[in-house]
Amino acid sequence: LAEAHAAAGHRVTVLVCHPGSRTDRQEVEGVTLIRAGRLATVASM
């Protein structure tokens, strides 16, 4: 969805959690990907 809608000219951001504790931001295939640092994972969350 993100890549298709970005290719169609929309601004698309994906906000998820980083596997580690740091936070980073990058552009991937026209999509702004922000990965927020996580403290831990409990019950798959």
PDB file of all heavy atoms in Angstrom:
ATOM      1  N   LEU A   1       0.823  -1.204   0.000  1.00  0.00           N
ATOM      2  CA  LEU A   1       0.000   0.000   0.000  1.00  0.00           C
ATOM      3  C   LEU A   1       0.862   1.260   0.000  1.00  0.00           C
ATOM      4  O   LEU A   1       0.622   2.200  -0.778  1.00  0.00           O
ATOM      5  CB  LEU A   1      -0.917   0.018   1.221  1.00  0.00           C
ATOM      6  CG  LEU A   1      -2.046  -1.012   1.278  1.00  0.00           C
ATOM      7  CD1 LEU A   1      -2.803  -0.853   2.590  1.00  0.00           C
ATOM      8  CD2 LEU A   1      -2.996  -0.858   0.097  1.00  0.00           C
ATOM      9  N   ALA A   2       1.859   1.292   0.879  1.00  0.00           N
ATOM     10  CA  ALA A   2       2.675   2.491   1.030  1.00  0.00           C
ATOM     11  C   ALA A   2       3.398   2.828  -0.261  1.00  0.00           C
ATOM     12  O   ALA A   2       3.387   3.989  -0.725  1.00  0.00           O
ATOM     13  CB  ALA A   2       3.676   2.295   2.171  1.00  0.00           C
ATOM     14  N   GLU A   3       4.031   1.852  -0.875  1.00  0.00           N
ATOM     15  CA  GLU A   3       4.793   2.123  -2.097  1.00  0.00           C
ATOM     16  C   GLU A   3       3.880   2.475  -3.267  1.00  0.00           C
ATOM     17  O   GLU A   3       4.204   3.369  -4.071  1.00  0.00           O
ATOM     18  CB  GLU A   3       5.670   0.922  -2.428  1.00  0.00           C
ATOM     19  CG  GLU A   3       6.795   0.711  -1.422  1.00  0.00           C
ATOM     20  CD  GLU A   3       7.713  -0.446  -1.774  1.00  0.00           C
ATOM     21  OE1 GLU A   3       7.483  -1.087  -2.831  1.00  0.00           O
ATOM     22  OE2 GLU A   3       8.657  -0.707  -1.013  1.00  0.00           O
ATOM     23  N   ALA A   4       2.737   1.816  -3.371  1.00  0.00           N
ATOM     24  CA  ALA A   4       1.812   2.122  -4.473  1.00  0.00           C
ATOM     25  C   ALA A   4       1.236   3.519  -4.334  1.00  0.00           C
ATOM     26  O   ALA A   4       1.141   4.268  -5.322  1.00  0.00           O
ATOM     27  CB  ALA A   4       0.694   1.086  -4.523  1.00  0.00           C
ATOM     28  N   HIS A   5       0.842   3.902  -3.135  1.00  0.00           N
ATOM     29  CA  HIS A   5       0.266   5.230  -2.941  1.00  0.00           C
ATOM     30  C   HIS A   5       1.329   6.323  -3.064  1.00  0.00           C
ATOM     31  O   HIS A   5       1.043   7.424  -3.548  1.00  0.00           O
ATOM     32  CB  HIS A   5      -0.448   5.286  -1.589  1.00  0.00           C
ATOM     33  CG  HIS A   5      -1.698   4.460  -1.544  1.00  0.00           C
ATOM     34  ND1 HIS A   5      -2.162   3.859  -0.393  1.00  0.00           N
ATOM     35  CD2 HIS A   5      -2.575   4.112  -2.525  1.00  0.00           C
ATOM     36  CE1 HIS A   5      -3.282   3.196  -0.670  1.00  0.00           C
ATOM     37  NE2 HIS A   5      -3.544   3.337  -1.951  1.00  0.00           N
ATOM     38  N   ALA A   6       2.569   6.030  -2.650  1.00  0.00           N
ATOM     39  CA  ALA A   6       3.649   6.990  -2.856  1.00  0.00           C
ATOM     40  C   ALA A   6       3.922   7.167  -4.342  1.00  0.00           C
ATOM     41  O   ALA A   6       4.129   8.298  -4.823  1.00  0.00           O
ATOM     42  CB  ALA A   6       4.909   6.532  -2.134  1.00  0.00           C
ATOM     43  N   ALA A   7       3.914   6.067  -5.099  1.00  0.00           N
ATOM     44  CA  ALA A   7       4.143   6.145  -6.544  1.00  0.00           C
ATOM     45  C   ALA A   7       3.042   6.926  -7.244  1.00  0.00           C
ATOM     46  O   ALA A   7       3.271   7.526  -8.315  1.00  0.00           O
ATOM     47  CB  ALA A   7       4.244   4.742  -7.128  1.00  0.00           C
ATOM     48  N   ALA A   8       1.851   6.938  -6.651  1.00  0.00           N
ATOM     49  CA  ALA A   8       0.730   7.689  -7.234  1.00  0.00           C
ATOM     50  C   ALA A   8       0.766   9.173  -6.867  1.00  0.00           C
ATOM     51  O   ALA A   8      -0.132   9.921  -7.251  1.00  0.00           O
ATOM     52  CB  ALA A   8      -0.589   7.072  -6.772  1.00  0.00           C
ATOM     53  N   GLY A   9       1.785   9.588  -6.111  1.00  0.00           N
ATOM     54  CA  GLY A   9       1.961  11.003  -5.814  1.00  0.00           C
ATOM     55  C   GLY A   9       1.560  11.443  -4.423  1.00  0.00           C
ATOM     56  O   GLY A   9       1.623  12.630  -4.108  1.00  0.00           O
ATOM     57  N   HIS A  10       1.155  10.503  -3.579  1.00  0.00           N
ATOM     58  CA  HIS A  10       0.772  10.847  -2.221  1.00  0.00           C
ATOM     59  C   HIS A  10       2.000  10.847  -1.308  1.00  0.00           C
ATOM     60  O   HIS A  10       2.991  10.155  -1.567  1.00  0.00           O
ATOM     61  CB  HIS A  10      -0.278   9.869  -1.700  1.00  0.00           C
ATOM     62  CG  HIS A  10      -1.540   9.880  -2.490  1.00  0.00           C
ATOM     63  ND1 HIS A  10      -2.501  10.857  -2.358  1.00  0.00           N
ATOM     64  CD2 HIS A  10      -1.984   9.033  -3.470  1.00  0.00           C
ATOM     65  CE1 HIS A  10      -3.499  10.621  -3.199  1.00  0.00           C
ATOM     66  NE2 HIS A  10      -3.211   9.522  -3.881  1.00  0.00           N
ATOM     67  N   ARG A  11       1.929  11.609  -0.247  1.00  0.00           N
ATOM     68  CA  ARG A  11       2.973  11.584   0.771  1.00  0.00           C
ATOM     69  C   ARG A  11       2.636  10.474   1.750  1.00  0.00           C
ATOM     70  O   ARG A  11       1.543  10.453   2.328  1.00  0.00           O
ATOM     71  CB  ARG A  11       3.024  12.929   1.487  1.00  0.00           C
ATOM     72  CG  ARG A  11       4.078  13.010   2.584  1.00  0.00           C
ATOM     73  CD  ARG A  11       3.985  14.337   3.306  1.00  0.00           C
ATOM     74  NE  ARG A  11       4.815  14.362   4.506  1.00  0.00           N
ATOM     75  CZ  ARG A  11       4.702  15.268   5.474  1.00  0.00           C
ATOM     76  NH1 ARG A  11       3.785  16.238   5.366  1.00  0.00           N
ATOM     77  NH2 ARG A  11       5.493  15.206   6.529  1.00  0.00           N
ATOM     78  N   VAL A  12       3.550   9.535   1.936  1.00  0.00           N
ATOM     79  CA  VAL A  12       3.280   8.361   2.755  1.00  0.00           C
ATOM     80  C   VAL A  12       4.368   8.218   3.815  1.00  0.00           C
ATOM     81  O   VAL A  12       5.566   8.221   3.503  1.00  0.00           O
ATOM     82  CB  VAL A  12       3.216   7.074   1.914  1.00  0.00           C
ATOM     83  CG1 VAL A  12       2.904   5.867   2.809  1.00  0.00           C
ATOM     84  CG2 VAL A  12       2.170   7.207   0.810  1.00  0.00           C
ATOM     85  N   THR A  13       3.938   8.088   5.060  1.00  0.00           N
ATOM     86  CA  THR A  13       4.843   7.852   6.184  1.00  0.00           C
ATOM     87  C   THR A  13       4.448   6.545   6.857  1.00  0.00           C
ATOM     88  O   THR A  13       3.255   6.264   7.026  1.00  0.00           O
ATOM     89  CB  THR A  13       4.764   8.993   7.211  1.00  0.00           C
ATOM     90  OG1 THR A  13       5.073  10.235   6.561  1.00  0.00           O
ATOM     91  CG2 THR A  13       5.734   8.776   8.364  1.00  0.00           C
ATOM     92  N   VAL A  14       5.433   5.756   7.228  1.00  0.00           N
ATOM     93  CA  VAL A  14       5.205   4.528   7.982  1.00  0.00           C
ATOM     94  C   VAL A  14       5.927   4.674   9.312  1.00  0.00           C
ATOM     95  O   VAL A  14       7.139   4.896   9.353  1.00  0.00           O
ATOM     96  CB  VAL A  14       5.726   3.294   7.226  1.00  0.00           C
ATOM     97  CG1 VAL A  14       5.588   2.039   8.091  1.00  0.00           C
ATOM     98  CG2 VAL A  14       4.979   3.112   5.907  1.00  0.00           C
ATOM     99  N   LEU A  15       5.198   4.577  10.408  1.00  0.00           N
ATOM    100  CA  LEU A  15       5.754   4.696  11.753  1.00  0.00           C
ATOM    101  C   LEU A  15       5.656   3.342  12.449  1.00  0.00           C
ATOM    102  O   LEU A  15       4.563   2.862  12.744  1.00  0.00           O
ATOM    103  CB  LEU A  15       5.000   5.761  12.551  1.00  0.00           C
ATOM    104  CG  LEU A  15       5.412   5.962  14.017  1.00  0.00           C
ATOM    105  CD1 LEU A  15       6.886   6.316  14.152  1.00  0.00           C
ATOM    106  CD2 LEU A  15       4.528   7.034  14.669  1.00  0.00           C
ATOM    107  N   VAL A  16       6.814   2.737  12.685  1.00  0.00           N
ATOM    108  CA  VAL A  16       6.872   1.428  13.323  1.00  0.00           C
ATOM    109  C   VAL A  16       7.911   1.470  14.442  1.00  0.00           C
ATOM    110  O   VAL A  16       8.418   2.539  14.783  1.00  0.00           O
ATOM    111  CB  VAL A  16       7.219   0.325  12.289  1.00  0.00           C
ATOM    112  CG1 VAL A  16       6.103   0.181  11.263  1.00  0.00           C
ATOM    113  CG2 VAL A  16       8.556   0.598  11.608  1.00  0.00           C
ATOM    114  N   CYS A  17       8.250   0.320  14.984  1.00  0.00           N
ATOM    115  CA  CYS A  17       9.255   0.240  16.046  1.00  0.00           C
ATOM    116  C   CYS A  17      10.548  -0.366  15.510  1.00  0.00           C
ATOM    117  O   CYS A  17      10.520  -1.307  14.710  1.00  0.00           O
ATOM    118  CB  CYS A  17       8.740  -0.594  17.216  1.00  0.00           C
ATOM    119  SG  CYS A  17       7.415   0.225  18.139  1.00  0.00           S
ATOM    120  N   HIS A  18      11.649   0.189  15.982  1.00  0.00           N
ATOM    121  CA  HIS A  18      12.966  -0.329  15.624  1.00  0.00           C
ATOM    122  C   HIS A  18      13.209  -1.636  16.378  1.00  0.00           C
ATOM    123  O   HIS A  18      12.738  -1.793  17.512  1.00  0.00           O
ATOM    124  CB  HIS A  18      14.036   0.705  15.996  1.00  0.00           C
ATOM    125  CG  HIS A  18      15.366   0.451  15.375  1.00  0.00           C
ATOM    126  ND1 HIS A  18      16.240  -0.489  15.862  1.00  0.00           N
ATOM    127  CD2 HIS A  18      15.983   1.028  14.296  1.00  0.00           C
ATOM    128  CE1 HIS A  18      17.328  -0.496  15.116  1.00  0.00           C
ATOM    129  NE2 HIS A  18      17.205   0.410  14.163  1.00  0.00           N
ATOM    130  N   PRO A  19      13.933  -2.590  15.782  1.00  0.00           N
ATOM    131  CA  PRO A  19      14.259  -3.810  16.541  1.00  0.00           C
ATOM    132  C   PRO A  19      15.077  -3.531  17.797  1.00  0.00           C
ATOM    133  O   PRO A  19      15.015  -4.301  18.761  1.00  0.00           O
ATOM    134  CB  PRO A  19      15.068  -4.642  15.537  1.00  0.00           C
ATOM    135  CG  PRO A  19      14.680  -4.125  14.200  1.00  0.00           C
ATOM    136  CD  PRO A  19      14.388  -2.666  14.392  1.00  0.00           C
ATOM    137  N   GLY A  20      15.838  -2.414  17.784  1.00  0.00           N
ATOM    138  CA  GLY A  20      16.644  -2.053  18.945  1.00  0.00           C
ATOM    139  C   GLY A  20      16.138  -0.798  19.615  1.00  0.00           C
ATOM    140  O   GLY A  20      15.001  -0.362  19.414  1.00  0.00           O
ATOM    141  N   SER A  21      17.006  -0.175  20.388  1.00  0.00           N
ATOM    142  CA  SER A  21      16.586   0.958  21.213  1.00  0.00           C
ATOM    143  C   SER A  21      16.700   2.305  20.513  1.00  0.00           C
ATOM    144  O   SER A  21      16.189   3.304  21.020  1.00  0.00           O
ATOM    145  CB  SER A  21      17.425   0.993  22.491  1.00  0.00           C
ATOM    146  OG  SER A  21      18.804   1.127  22.173  1.00  0.00           O
ATOM    147  N   ARG A  22      17.361   2.342  19.367  1.00  0.00           N
ATOM    148  CA  ARG A  22      17.547   3.636  18.712  1.00  0.00           C
ATOM    149  C   ARG A  22      16.352   3.977  17.817  1.00  0.00           C
ATOM    150  O   ARG A  22      15.556   3.113  17.464  1.00  0.00           O
ATOM    151  CB  ARG A  22      18.829   3.648  17.892  1.00  0.00           C
ATOM    152  CG  ARG A  22      18.797   2.835  16.613  1.00  0.00           C
ATOM    153  CD  ARG A  22      20.122   2.928  15.861  1.00  0.00           C
ATOM    154  NE  ARG A  22      20.074   2.326  14.554  1.00  0.00           N
ATOM    155  CZ  ARG A  22      20.315   1.062  14.287  1.00  0.00           C
ATOM    156  NH1 ARG A  22      20.581   0.225  15.291  1.00  0.00           N
ATOM    157  NH2 ARG A  22      20.266   0.596  13.051  1.00  0.00           N
ATOM    158  N   THR A  23      16.253   5.247  17.454  1.00  0.00           N
ATOM    159  CA  THR A  23      15.219   5.720  16.521  1.00  0.00           C
ATOM    160  C   THR A  23      15.907   6.182  15.250  1.00  0.00           C
ATOM    161  O   THR A  23      16.929   6.881  15.304  1.00  0.00           O
ATOM    162  CB  THR A  23      14.415   6.874  17.138  1.00  0.00           C
ATOM    163  OG1 THR A  23      13.703   6.389  18.276  1.00  0.00           O
ATOM    164  CG2 THR A  23      13.432   7.463  16.138  1.00  0.00           C
ATOM    165  N   ASP A  24      15.376   5.788  14.095  1.00  0.00           N
ATOM    166  CA  ASP A  24      15.965   6.269  12.844  1.00  0.00           C
ATOM    167  C   ASP A  24      14.875   6.607  11.836  1.00  0.00           C
ATOM    168  O   ASP A  24      13.700   6.259  12.001  1.00  0.00           O
ATOM    169  CB  ASP A  24      16.980   5.282  12.267  1.00  0.00           C
ATOM    170  CG  ASP A  24      16.369   3.937  11.880  1.00  0.00           C
ATOM    171  OD1 ASP A  24      15.155   3.862  11.634  1.00  0.00           O
ATOM    172  OD2 ASP A  24      17.123   2.950  11.822  1.00  0.00           O
ATOM    173  N   ARG A  25      15.294   7.287  10.797  1.00  0.00           N
ATOM    174  CA  ARG A  25      14.381   7.756   9.744  1.00  0.00           C
ATOM    175  C   ARG A  25      15.093   7.599   8.409  1.00  0.00           C
ATOM    176  O   ARG A  25      16.260   7.954   8.276  1.00  0.00           O
ATOM    177  CB  ARG A  25      14.012   9.219   9.994  1.00  0.00           C
ATOM    178  CG  ARG A  25      13.086   9.847   8.956  1.00  0.00           C
ATOM    179  CD  ARG A  25      12.942  11.324   9.235  1.00  0.00           C
ATOM    180  NE  ARG A  25      12.051  11.990   8.285  1.00  0.00           N
ATOM    181  CZ  ARG A  25      10.920  12.573   8.610  1.00  0.00           C
ATOM    182  NH1 ARG A  25      10.532  12.618   9.873  1.00  0.00           N
ATOM    183  NH2 ARG A  25      10.164  13.152   7.696  1.00  0.00           N
ATOM    184  N   GLN A  26      14.382   7.069   7.409  1.00  0.00           N
ATOM    185  CA  GLN A  26      14.973   6.901   6.085  1.00  0.00           C
ATOM    186  C   GLN A  26      13.887   6.956   5.025  1.00  0.00           C
ATOM    187  O   GLN A  26      12.691   6.817   5.324  1.00  0.00           O
ATOM    188  CB  GLN A  26      15.733   5.572   6.010  1.00  0.00           C
ATOM    189  CG  GLN A  26      14.902   4.347   6.375  1.00  0.00           C
ATOM    190  CD  GLN A  26      15.722   3.081   6.465  1.00  0.00           C
ATOM    191  OE1 GLN A  26      16.316   2.645   5.485  1.00  0.00           O
ATOM    192  NE2 GLN A  26      15.775   2.490   7.648  1.00  0.00           N
ATOM    193  N   GLU A  27      14.327   7.186   3.791  1.00  0.00           N
ATOM    194  CA  GLU A  27      13.412   7.174   2.652  1.00  0.00           C
ATOM    195  C   GLU A  27      13.603   5.855   1.911  1.00  0.00           C
ATOM    196  O   GLU A  27      14.719   5.519   1.512  1.00  0.00           O
ATOM    197  CB  GLU A  27      13.693   8.349   1.714  1.00  0.00           C
ATOM    198  CG  GLU A  27      13.510   9.706   2.362  1.00  0.00           C
ATOM    199  CD  GLU A  27      12.071   9.991   2.743  1.00  0.00           C
ATOM    200  OE1 GLU A  27      11.162   9.652   1.942  1.00  0.00           O
ATOM    201  OE2 GLU A  27      11.852  10.538   3.835  1.00  0.00           O
ATOM    202  N   VAL A  28      12.526   5.111   1.710  1.00  0.00           N
ATOM    203  CA  VAL A  28      12.586   3.807   1.052  1.00  0.00           C
ATOM    204  C   VAL A  28      11.504   3.749  -0.009  1.00  0.00           C
ATOM    205  O   VAL A  28      10.311   3.769   0.319  1.00  0.00           O
ATOM    206  CB  VAL A  28      12.405   2.654   2.067  1.00  0.00           C
ATOM    207  CG1 VAL A  28      12.542   1.306   1.366  1.00  0.00           C
ATOM    208  CG2 VAL A  28      13.392   2.772   3.213  1.00  0.00           C
ATOM    209  N   GLU A  29      11.912   3.698  -1.272  1.00  0.00           N
ATOM    210  CA  GLU A  29      10.953   3.594  -2.382  1.00  0.00           C
ATOM    211  C   GLU A  29       9.887   4.680  -2.316  1.00  0.00           C
ATOM    212  O   GLU A  29       8.697   4.421  -2.544  1.00  0.00           O
ATOM    213  CB  GLU A  29      10.296   2.208  -2.404  1.00  0.00           C
ATOM    214  CG  GLU A  29      11.257   1.052  -2.573  1.00  0.00           C
ATOM    215  CD  GLU A  29      11.922   1.025  -3.950  1.00  0.00           C
ATOM    216  OE1 GLU A  29      11.325   1.575  -4.898  1.00  0.00           O
ATOM    217  OE2 GLU A  29      13.025   0.475  -4.062  1.00  0.00           O
ATOM    218  N   GLY A  30      10.298   5.891  -1.977  1.00  0.00           N
ATOM    219  CA  GLY A  30       9.371   7.009  -1.925  1.00  0.00           C
ATOM    220  C   GLY A  30       8.574   7.116  -0.642  1.00  0.00           C
ATOM    221  O   GLY A  30       7.751   8.025  -0.499  1.00  0.00           O
ATOM    222  N   VAL A  31       8.819   6.209   0.289  1.00  0.00           N
ATOM    223  CA  VAL A  31       8.092   6.166   1.561  1.00  0.00           C
ATOM    224  C   VAL A  31       9.013   6.643   2.677  1.00  0.00           C
ATOM    225  O   VAL A  31      10.174   6.228   2.752  1.00  0.00           O
ATOM    226  CB  VAL A  31       7.605   4.736   1.866  1.00  0.00           C
ATOM    227  CG1 VAL A  31       6.940   4.666   3.236  1.00  0.00           C
ATOM    228  CG2 VAL A  31       6.650   4.257   0.771  1.00  0.00           C
ATOM    229  N   THR A  32       8.500   7.526   3.553  1.00  0.00           N
ATOM    230  CA  THR A  32       9.259   7.932   4.731  1.00  0.00           C
ATOM    231  C   THR A  32       9.041   6.892   5.823  1.00  0.00           C
ATOM    232  O   THR A  32       7.919   6.710   6.312  1.00  0.00           O
ATOM    233  CB  THR A  32       8.810   9.313   5.234  1.00  0.00           C
ATOM    234  OG1 THR A  32       9.018  10.286   4.203  1.00  0.00           O
ATOM    235  CG2 THR A  32       9.603   9.718   6.470  1.00  0.00           C
ATOM    236  N   LEU A  33      10.112   6.193   6.176  1.00  0.00           N
ATOM    237  CA  LEU A  33      10.042   5.141   7.183  1.00  0.00           C
ATOM    238  C   LEU A  33      10.687   5.637   8.475  1.00  0.00           C
ATOM    239  O   LEU A  33      11.875   5.971   8.500  1.00  0.00           O
ATOM    240  CB  LEU A  33      10.766   3.887   6.692  1.00  0.00           C
ATOM    241  CG  LEU A  33      10.922   2.735   7.705  1.00  0.00           C
ATOM    242  CD1 LEU A  33       9.560   2.230   8.167  1.00  0.00           C
ATOM    243  CD2 LEU A  33      11.742   1.606   7.101  1.00  0.00           C
ATOM    244  N   ILE A  34       9.889   5.706   9.537  1.00  0.00           N
ATOM    245  CA  ILE A  34      10.381   6.107  10.857  1.00  0.00           C
ATOM    246  C   ILE A  34      10.256   4.903  11.782  1.00  0.00           C
ATOM    247  O   ILE A  34       9.169   4.346  11.953  1.00  0.00           O
ATOM    248  CB  ILE A  34       9.568   7.284  11.430  1.00  0.00           C
ATOM    249  CG1 ILE A  34       9.566   8.471  10.449  1.00  0.00           C
ATOM    250  CG2 ILE A  34      10.137   7.712  12.783  1.00  0.00           C
ATOM    251  CD1 ILE A  34       8.638   9.591  10.860  1.00  0.00           C
ATOM    252  N   ARG A  35      11.387   4.516  12.369  1.00  0.00           N
ATOM    253  CA  ARG A  35      11.393   3.379  13.294  1.00  0.00           C
ATOM    254  C   ARG A  35      11.758   3.885  14.683  1.00  0.00           C
ATOM    255  O   ARG A  35      12.875   4.323  14.930  1.00  0.00           O
ATOM    256  CB  ARG A  35      12.381   2.314  12.821  1.00  0.00           C
ATOM    257  CG  ARG A  35      12.040   1.746  11.446  1.00  0.00           C
ATOM    258  CD  ARG A  35      12.912   0.561  11.085  1.00  0.00           C
ATOM    259  NE  ARG A  35      14.340   0.901  11.105  1.00  0.00           N
ATOM    260  CZ  ARG A  35      15.316   0.003  11.024  1.00  0.00           C
ATOM    261  NH1 ARG A  35      15.018  -1.283  10.941  1.00  0.00           N
ATOM    262  NH2 ARG A  35      16.581   0.393  11.015  1.00  0.00           N
ATOM    263  N   ALA A  36      10.778   3.830  15.574  1.00  0.00           N
ATOM    264  CA  ALA A  36      10.964   4.331  16.940  1.00  0.00           C
ATOM    265  C   ALA A  36      11.646   3.279  17.800  1.00  0.00           C
ATOM    266  O   ALA A  36      11.333   2.086  17.711  1.00  0.00           O
ATOM    267  CB  ALA A  36       9.605   4.692  17.549  1.00  0.00           C
ATOM    268  N   GLY A  37      12.558   3.729  18.640  1.00  0.00           N
ATOM    269  CA  GLY A  37      13.246   2.808  19.533  1.00  0.00           C
ATOM    270  C   GLY A  37      12.288   2.092  20.469  1.00  0.00           C
ATOM    271  O   GLY A  37      11.315   2.683  20.947  1.00  0.00           O
ATOM    272  N   ARG A  38      12.561   0.819  20.709  1.00  0.00           N
ATOM    273  CA  ARG A  38      11.708   0.048  21.612  1.00  0.00           C
ATOM    274  C   ARG A  38      12.464  -0.292  22.896  1.00  0.00           C
ATOM    275  O   ARG A  38      13.689  -0.480  22.882  1.00  0.00           O
ATOM    276  CB  ARG A  38      11.167  -1.206  20.934  1.00  0.00           C
ATOM    277  CG  ARG A  38      12.105  -2.361  20.783  1.00  0.00           C
ATOM    278  CD  ARG A  38      11.380  -3.600  20.242  1.00  0.00           C
ATOM    279  NE  ARG A  38      11.062  -3.492  18.825  1.00  0.00           N
ATOM    280  CZ  ARG A  38      10.281  -4.354  18.173  1.00  0.00           C
ATOM    281  NH1 ARG A  38       9.717  -5.366  18.815  1.00  0.00           N
ATOM    282  NH2 ARG A  38      10.029  -4.203  16.888  1.00  0.00           N
ATOM    283  N   LEU A  39      11.716  -0.390  23.969  1.00  0.00           N
ATOM    284  CA  LEU A  39      12.295  -0.741  25.258  1.00  0.00           C
ATOM    285  C   LEU A  39      12.388  -2.248  25.432  1.00  0.00           C
ATOM    286  O   LEU A  39      13.356  -2.768  25.988  1.00  0.00           O
ATOM    287  CB  LEU A  39      11.446  -0.150  26.391  1.00  0.00           C
ATOM    288  CG  LEU A  39      11.277   1.371  26.397  1.00  0.00           C
ATOM    289  CD1 LEU A  39      10.284   1.776  27.477  1.00  0.00           C
ATOM    290  CD2 LEU A  39      12.615   2.054  26.614  1.00  0.00           C
ATOM    291  N   ALA A  40      11.356  -2.946  24.968  1.00  0.00           N
ATOM    292  CA  ALA A  40      11.292  -4.398  25.126  1.00  0.00           C
ATOM    293  C   ALA A  40      10.170  -4.918  24.230  1.00  0.00           C
ATOM    294  O   ALA A  40       9.452  -4.136  23.587  1.00  0.00           O
ATOM    295  CB  ALA A  40      11.031  -4.770  26.583  1.00  0.00           C
ATOM    296  N   THR A  41      10.017  -6.222  24.192  1.00  0.00           N
ATOM    297  CA  THR A  41       8.916  -6.866  23.482  1.00  0.00           C
ATOM    298  C   THR A  41       8.238  -7.829  24.440  1.00  0.00           C
ATOM    299  O   THR A  41       8.897  -8.697  25.014  1.00  0.00           O
ATOM    300  CB  THR A  41       9.413  -7.612  22.231  1.00  0.00           C
ATOM    301  OG1 THR A  41      10.089  -6.694  21.370  1.00  0.00           O
ATOM    302  CG2 THR A  41       8.246  -8.235  21.486  1.00  0.00           C
ATOM    303  N   VAL A  42       6.928  -7.664  24.619  1.00  0.00           N
ATOM    304  CA  VAL A  42       6.162  -8.501  25.541  1.00  0.00           C
ATOM    305  C   VAL A  42       4.962  -9.070  24.802  1.00  0.00           C
ATOM    306  O   VAL A  42       4.177  -8.321  24.210  1.00  0.00           O
ATOM    307  CB  VAL A  42       5.688  -7.686  26.769  1.00  0.00           C
ATOM    308  CG1 VAL A  42       4.844  -8.568  27.683  1.00  0.00           C
ATOM    309  CG2 VAL A  42       6.879  -7.117  27.519  1.00  0.00           C
ATOM    310  N   ALA A  43       4.818 -10.399  24.817  1.00  0.00           N
ATOM    311  CA  ALA A  43       3.698 -11.072  24.136  1.00  0.00           C
ATOM    312  C   ALA A  43       3.587 -10.631  22.685  1.00  0.00           C
ATOM    313  O   ALA A  43       2.501 -10.312  22.187  1.00  0.00           O
ATOM    314  CB  ALA A  43       2.385 -10.820  24.878  1.00  0.00           C
ATOM    315  N   SER A  44       4.743 -10.574  22.007  1.00  0.00           N
ATOM    316  CA  SER A  44       4.861 -10.216  20.587  1.00  0.00           C
ATOM    317  C   SER A  44       4.612  -8.736  20.309  1.00  0.00           C
ATOM    318  O   SER A  44       4.589  -8.331  19.153  1.00  0.00           O
ATOM    319  CB  SER A  44       3.896 -11.054  19.723  1.00  0.00           C
ATOM    320  OG  SER A  44       4.192 -12.425  19.850  1.00  0.00           O
ATOM    321  N   MET A  45       4.400  -7.921  21.354  1.00  0.00           N
ATOM    322  CA  MET A  45       4.147  -6.503  21.137  1.00  0.00           C
ATOM    323  C   MET A  45       5.319  -5.666  21.620  1.00  0.00           C
ATOM    324  O   MET A  45       5.783  -5.829  22.748  1.00  0.00           O
ATOM    325  CB  MET A  45       2.882  -6.045  21.863  1.00  0.00           C
ATOM    326  CG  MET A  45       2.510  -4.598  21.511  1.00  0.00           C
ATOM    327  SD  MET A  45       1.080  -3.971  22.425  1.00  0.00           S
ATOM    328  CE  MET A  45       1.818  -3.646  24.026  1.00  0.00           C
TER     329      MET A  45
END
